[in-house]
Amino acid sequence: MYYACFYAVGALLVKHGIETSSHSGYRQKFGQLFVQSGKISKELAKHYTELFEKRQKSDYNDFFDFDEETVLRFYEPSKLFIEKVEELINNNCT
């Protein structure tokens, strides 16, 4: 789910001519341009941050796994996040 959100944010940034070279760069530019301006709610931005943190743990810690309950808890907010980013892309929001 993190990567689905990450690539959605990447598409939004590319649409606006913004290039970054890291996951942290994506998050920083996304926050500056779309969260601080109110185009994305702080609640959805927190979800994206939480996914990023979970991704960090799962990629870089040995023996880290997610249980079904955790995965299911992230599913609907991730869908909502992607839908909102898609809306911004399709509405040419700057």
N, C-alpha and C. Protein backbone atom coordinates (compact mmCIF):
# COMPACT_ATOMS: atom_id res chain seq x y z
N MET A 1 0.82 -1.18 0.00
CA MET A 1 0.00 0.00 0.00
C MET A 1 0.87 1.26 0.00
N TYR A 2 2.00 1.18 0.69
CA TYR A 2 2.89 2.34 0.67
C TYR A 2 3.29 2.67 -0.76
N TYR A 3 3.69 1.67 -1.51
CA TYR A 3 4.16 1.96 -2.87
C TYR A 3 3.05 2.45 -3.78
N ALA A 4 1.84 2.01 -3.57
CA ALA A 4 0.71 2.52 -4.35
C ALA A 4 0.55 4.02 -4.07
N CYS A 5 0.63 4.41 -2.80
CA CYS A 5 0.53 5.82 -2.44
C CYS A 5 1.74 6.61 -2.92
N PHE A 6 2.91 6.01 -2.79
CA PHE A 6 4.15 6.65 -3.24
C PHE A 6 4.10 6.97 -4.74
N TYR A 7 3.67 6.01 -5.54
CA TYR A 7 3.61 6.24 -6.99
C TYR A 7 2.50 7.23 -7.35
N ALA A 8 1.43 7.27 -6.59
CA ALA A 8 0.38 8.28 -6.82
C ALA A 8 0.96 9.67 -6.55
N VAL A 9 1.68 9.83 -5.45
CA VAL A 9 2.32 11.10 -5.14
C VAL A 9 3.33 11.45 -6.22
N GLY A 10 4.09 10.46 -6.68
CA GLY A 10 5.06 10.69 -7.75
C GLY A 10 4.40 11.22 -9.01
N ALA A 11 3.26 10.64 -9.37
CA ALA A 11 2.53 11.09 -10.56
C ALA A 11 2.06 12.53 -10.38
N LEU A 12 1.59 12.85 -9.19
CA LEU A 12 1.14 14.23 -8.91
C LEU A 12 2.31 15.21 -9.02
N LEU A 13 3.44 14.85 -8.47
CA LEU A 13 4.60 15.73 -8.54
C LEU A 13 5.09 15.89 -9.97
N VAL A 14 5.15 14.80 -10.71
CA VAL A 14 5.59 14.87 -12.12
C VAL A 14 4.64 15.76 -12.92
N LYS A 15 3.35 15.62 -12.67
CA LYS A 15 2.36 16.44 -13.37
C LYS A 15 2.65 17.93 -13.17
N HIS A 16 3.22 18.27 -12.03
CA HIS A 16 3.52 19.66 -11.72
C HIS A 16 4.98 20.02 -11.96
N GLY A 17 5.70 19.14 -12.66
CA GLY A 17 7.08 19.42 -13.04
C GLY A 17 8.07 19.38 -11.89
N ILE A 18 7.73 18.64 -10.85
CA ILE A 18 8.60 18.57 -9.66
C ILE A 18 9.33 17.24 -9.67
N GLU A 19 10.64 17.31 -9.55
CA GLU A 19 11.46 16.11 -9.53
C GLU A 19 12.14 15.96 -8.17
N THR A 20 12.15 14.75 -7.67
CA THR A 20 12.89 14.43 -6.45
C THR A 20 13.57 13.08 -6.67
N SER A 21 14.55 12.80 -5.84
CA SER A 21 15.30 11.56 -6.05
C SER A 21 15.22 10.60 -4.86
N SER A 22 14.33 10.90 -3.92
CA SER A 22 14.25 10.01 -2.75
C SER A 22 12.82 9.96 -2.22
N HIS A 23 12.57 8.95 -1.43
CA HIS A 23 11.25 8.82 -0.80
C HIS A 23 11.00 10.02 0.12
N SER A 24 12.02 10.42 0.85
CA SER A 24 11.87 11.57 1.75
C SER A 24 11.62 12.85 0.96
N GLY A 25 12.25 12.97 -0.18
CA GLY A 25 12.03 14.13 -1.05
C GLY A 25 10.60 14.20 -1.54
N TYR A 26 10.05 13.05 -1.90
CA TYR A 26 8.64 12.99 -2.31
C TYR A 26 7.77 13.51 -1.19
N ARG A 27 8.00 13.00 0.02
CA ARG A 27 7.18 13.37 1.17
C ARG A 27 7.32 14.87 1.47
N GLN A 28 8.53 15.37 1.39
CA GLN A 28 8.76 16.79 1.69
C GLN A 28 8.03 17.69 0.69
N LYS A 29 8.21 17.44 -0.60
CA LYS A 29 7.57 18.27 -1.62
C LYS A 29 6.05 18.13 -1.57
N PHE A 30 5.58 16.92 -1.36
CA PHE A 30 4.15 16.68 -1.24
C PHE A 30 3.58 17.48 -0.08
N GLY A 31 4.26 17.45 1.06
CA GLY A 31 3.81 18.20 2.22
C GLY A 31 3.79 19.70 1.98
N GLN A 32 4.86 20.21 1.38
CA GLN A 32 4.96 21.65 1.12
C GLN A 32 3.85 22.13 0.18
N LEU A 33 3.66 21.39 -0.91
CA LEU A 33 2.78 21.88 -1.96
C LEU A 33 1.32 21.49 -1.83
N PHE A 34 1.05 20.37 -1.20
CA PHE A 34 -0.32 19.89 -1.20
C PHE A 34 -0.94 19.74 0.18
N VAL A 35 -0.13 19.55 1.20
CA VAL A 35 -0.69 19.42 2.55
C VAL A 35 -0.76 20.80 3.20
N GLN A 36 0.34 21.54 3.18
CA GLN A 36 0.34 22.87 3.79
C GLN A 36 -0.67 23.81 3.13
N SER A 37 -0.94 23.59 1.87
CA SER A 37 -1.91 24.43 1.16
C SER A 37 -3.35 23.98 1.40
N GLY A 38 -3.53 22.84 2.06
CA GLY A 38 -4.87 22.34 2.36
C GLY A 38 -5.52 21.52 1.27
N LYS A 39 -4.77 21.23 0.22
CA LYS A 39 -5.34 20.42 -0.88
C LYS A 39 -5.46 18.96 -0.50
N ILE A 40 -4.63 18.53 0.43
CA ILE A 40 -4.70 17.19 1.02
C ILE A 40 -4.83 17.39 2.52
N SER A 41 -5.74 16.67 3.13
CA SER A 41 -5.94 16.83 4.57
C SER A 41 -4.73 16.34 5.36
N LYS A 42 -4.55 16.91 6.53
CA LYS A 42 -3.45 16.48 7.39
C LYS A 42 -3.65 15.03 7.81
N GLU A 43 -4.89 14.61 7.94
CA GLU A 43 -5.18 13.22 8.31
C GLU A 43 -4.67 12.26 7.24
N LEU A 44 -4.93 12.56 5.97
CA LEU A 44 -4.42 11.70 4.89
C LEU A 44 -2.91 11.76 4.81
N ALA A 45 -2.34 12.93 5.05
CA ALA A 45 -0.88 13.07 5.03
C ALA A 45 -0.26 12.23 6.15
N LYS A 46 -0.90 12.19 7.30
CA LYS A 46 -0.40 11.36 8.41
C LYS A 46 -0.45 9.88 8.03
N HIS A 47 -1.48 9.50 7.31
CA HIS A 47 -1.57 8.11 6.86
C HIS A 47 -0.38 7.77 5.96
N TYR A 48 -0.08 8.66 5.03
CA TYR A 48 1.06 8.45 4.12
C TYR A 48 2.36 8.35 4.92
N THR A 49 2.52 9.19 5.92
CA THR A 49 3.71 9.14 6.77
C THR A 49 3.78 7.84 7.53
N GLU A 50 2.65 7.39 8.05
CA GLU A 50 2.63 6.13 8.79
C GLU A 50 2.99 4.96 7.87
N LEU A 51 2.48 4.97 6.65
CA LEU A 51 2.85 3.93 5.69
C LEU A 51 4.35 3.97 5.41
N PHE A 52 4.90 5.18 5.27
CA PHE A 52 6.34 5.32 5.02
C PHE A 52 7.13 4.71 6.17
N GLU A 53 6.72 5.00 7.40
CA GLU A 53 7.42 4.46 8.56
C GLU A 53 7.32 2.94 8.62
N LYS A 54 6.15 2.40 8.30
CA LYS A 54 5.97 0.94 8.28
C LYS A 54 6.85 0.32 7.18
N ARG A 55 6.92 1.00 6.06
CA ARG A 55 7.76 0.52 4.95
C ARG A 55 9.23 0.50 5.38
N GLN A 56 9.67 1.54 6.08
CA GLN A 56 11.05 1.59 6.57
C GLN A 56 11.34 0.39 7.46
N LYS A 57 10.44 0.12 8.39
CA LYS A 57 10.63 -1.00 9.31
C LYS A 57 10.67 -2.33 8.56
N SER A 58 9.75 -2.50 7.64
CA SER A 58 9.68 -3.80 6.94
C SER A 58 10.85 -4.00 5.99
N ASP A 59 11.35 -2.94 5.40
CA ASP A 59 12.47 -3.07 4.46
C ASP A 59 13.82 -3.21 5.16
N TYR A 60 13.98 -2.59 6.31
CA TYR A 60 15.30 -2.51 6.90
C TYR A 60 15.48 -3.23 8.23
N ASN A 61 14.42 -3.76 8.80
CA ASN A 61 14.53 -4.52 10.04
C ASN A 61 14.37 -6.01 9.75
N ASP A 62 15.20 -6.80 10.36
CA ASP A 62 15.07 -8.25 10.21
C ASP A 62 13.84 -8.74 10.96
N PHE A 63 13.18 -9.71 10.38
CA PHE A 63 12.08 -10.39 11.03
C PHE A 63 10.91 -9.48 11.38
N PHE A 64 10.63 -8.51 10.57
CA PHE A 64 9.48 -7.64 10.80
C PHE A 64 8.37 -8.06 9.84
N ASP A 65 7.19 -8.25 10.37
CA ASP A 65 6.06 -8.70 9.56
C ASP A 65 4.80 -8.00 10.03
N PHE A 66 3.83 -7.92 9.15
CA PHE A 66 2.54 -7.32 9.48
C PHE A 66 1.49 -8.39 9.64
N ASP A 67 0.63 -8.20 10.62
CA ASP A 67 -0.48 -9.13 10.77
C ASP A 67 -1.65 -8.66 9.92
N GLU A 68 -2.60 -9.53 9.74
CA GLU A 68 -3.75 -9.24 8.89
C GLU A 68 -4.52 -8.01 9.37
N GLU A 69 -4.68 -7.89 10.65
CA GLU A 69 -5.43 -6.76 11.21
C GLU A 69 -4.79 -5.43 10.84
N THR A 70 -3.48 -5.35 10.92
CA THR A 70 -2.76 -4.12 10.57
C THR A 70 -2.93 -3.79 9.10
N VAL A 71 -2.78 -4.80 8.27
CA VAL A 71 -2.91 -4.58 6.82
C VAL A 71 -4.33 -4.11 6.48
N LEU A 72 -5.32 -4.73 7.04
CA LEU A 72 -6.70 -4.34 6.77
C LEU A 72 -7.01 -2.93 7.27
N ARG A 73 -6.40 -2.54 8.36
CA ARG A 73 -6.59 -1.19 8.91
C ARG A 73 -6.06 -0.12 7.95
N PHE A 74 -5.03 -0.43 7.21
CA PHE A 74 -4.43 0.53 6.28
C PHE A 74 -5.11 0.56 4.91
N TYR A 75 -5.89 -0.43 4.61
CA TYR A 75 -6.43 -0.58 3.25
C TYR A 75 -7.35 0.58 2.83
N GLU A 76 -8.40 0.84 3.60
CA GLU A 76 -9.36 1.89 3.21
C GLU A 76 -8.73 3.28 3.19
N PRO A 77 -7.95 3.67 4.20
CA PRO A 77 -7.30 4.98 4.12
C PRO A 77 -6.36 5.11 2.92
N SER A 78 -5.72 4.01 2.54
CA SER A 78 -4.84 4.05 1.37
C SER A 78 -5.64 4.28 0.10
N LYS A 79 -6.78 3.61 -0.01
CA LYS A 79 -7.66 3.83 -1.17
C LYS A 79 -8.11 5.29 -1.22
N LEU A 80 -8.52 5.82 -0.08
CA LEU A 80 -8.97 7.20 -0.01
C LEU A 80 -7.84 8.17 -0.38
N PHE A 81 -6.65 7.91 0.10
CA PHE A 81 -5.49 8.73 -0.23
C PHE A 81 -5.26 8.77 -1.74
N ILE A 82 -5.25 7.60 -2.36
CA ILE A 82 -5.01 7.52 -3.80
C ILE A 82 -6.12 8.21 -4.58
N GLU A 83 -7.35 8.03 -4.15
CA GLU A 83 -8.48 8.70 -4.82
C GLU A 83 -8.33 10.21 -4.76
N LYS A 84 -7.93 10.73 -3.61
CA LYS A 84 -7.76 12.18 -3.47
C LYS A 84 -6.61 12.68 -4.35
N VAL A 85 -5.51 11.96 -4.38
CA VAL A 85 -4.39 12.36 -5.23
C VAL A 85 -4.80 12.30 -6.70
N GLU A 86 -5.53 11.26 -7.07
CA GLU A 86 -6.03 11.13 -8.44
C GLU A 86 -6.92 12.32 -8.81
N GLU A 87 -7.75 12.72 -7.87
CA GLU A 87 -8.63 13.88 -8.08
C GLU A 87 -7.79 15.14 -8.35
N LEU A 88 -6.73 15.32 -7.59
CA LEU A 88 -5.85 16.48 -7.81
C LEU A 88 -5.18 16.41 -9.17
N ILE A 89 -4.78 15.23 -9.58
CA ILE A 89 -4.15 15.08 -10.90
C ILE A 89 -5.15 15.41 -12.00
N ASN A 90 -6.34 14.87 -11.89
CA ASN A 90 -7.35 15.05 -12.94
C ASN A 90 -7.95 16.45 -12.98
N ASN A 91 -7.92 17.17 -11.88
CA ASN A 91 -8.48 18.52 -11.84
C ASN A 91 -7.44 19.60 -12.10
N ASN A 92 -6.24 19.17 -12.47
CA ASN A 92 -5.15 20.12 -12.75
C ASN A 92 -4.94 21.10 -11.60
N CYS A 93 -5.05 20.61 -10.39
CA CYS A 93 -4.90 21.44 -9.20
C CYS A 93 -3.43 21.79 -8.98
N THR A 94 -3.16 23.08 -8.79
CA THR A 94 -1.79 23.51 -8.47
C THR A 94 -1.73 24.17 -7.13
